[in-house]
Amino acid sequence: MMTVSQALQQRISVRSFLPTPVPRDLVHDILNIARYAPSGGNLQPWKVMVFGGSAARALKDLALATVGHDVQRSEEGERPMYPAKLGEPYRTRRQKIAEDLYAKLGIPREDKEKRLAHVRQNFAAFGAPTILMFVIDRSMGWGQWAHLGMFMQSVALAAEERGLGTCMQESWMLIRETFHRHFQLPPDDILYCGMALGHPDWSAPVNSLRSDRATVEEIASFHGFDERSA
């Protein structure tokens, strides 16, 4: 049986999926496990809209029609994807994963059209047959948004354990207003993120991408440990 450590290490952002449908009961099973994710004050401030079959196809059509060829357009509003001025080392990390991705796809820097075409594939969920959309109450603070992230990670790991792949897609917030209007969400709800879910196409070169991670020494400092008594 897969361990948590194995699931964490092998999980990737899958960017090419097989068309094989994911049964509703399997998605329900994943969410049933993920609902035990940590939640400060037990608020559980998340809602999940699950799209499969014709509903998933309709959502992709809506998204692609909304973004058109202008993938730079944005409906992020008051909760943007990234800070306006991304400092270091974050800017370099973001640039490197982008270049590593396009290298796997065989798209050179100067081919802007092909790069934009790949970005548009976000709104087709990279071919995934199932899409999960995560919604939160606008009144919630950054703490509750962090808790939603823990819930999403739990969904991804539960999916990994069951042989499925995922891709967490903040790109969906670029059509946040359109999504809100189309599905007539309550005024207090706001879309945070989407997640593509399905069977990875392991023959696709893009799915061999493994992003770099900072070392423990880079991200952690240890205090109060006495090596003599360790």
Foldseek 3Di string as FASTA:
>chain_A
DDDLVNLVVLADAFQAFDLDFDDPVLLVVLLVQLLPFDAVVSPSFKDKDKDADPRLVVQLVLLCVVCPLPLVAAPLPPNDPDDPDDDPPVVVLVVVLLVLLCVLVVHDPVCVSVSSVSVSCVSNVSNFRMKMWMKGFQVDDPVRVVSVVRSVVSSQSSLVVVQKHKHKAQSVNRCFVVVCVVVVPPPRMTIGIMMGMHHHDVVRSSSVDDRDDDDCVVPDDDPDDDPVVD
